[in-house]
Amino acid sequence: MKQHIPGEWHKATYSANGSHCVEVREHARGADVRDSQNREIGTLDFDSHEWNALLGSLPHH
């Protein structure tokens, strides 16, 4: 798994290769998620408990 620098936006590993991607910015308080094609509409903000719960619910590849 690739390590990301906290606070930097990166494409989510669960995004398909193509135009339908989300970007994630992880930080000490949790994470922010945005649509890479529509950044101007804002972000979804998750606190650390919500973000860890989401990641824990995803199947591991």
Foldseek 3Di string as FASTA:
>chain_A
DDDDDAQDWDWDPPADPDQFTKIWHADPQGIWIDTPVCCVVDTDDDGNVRRVVVVVPDDDD
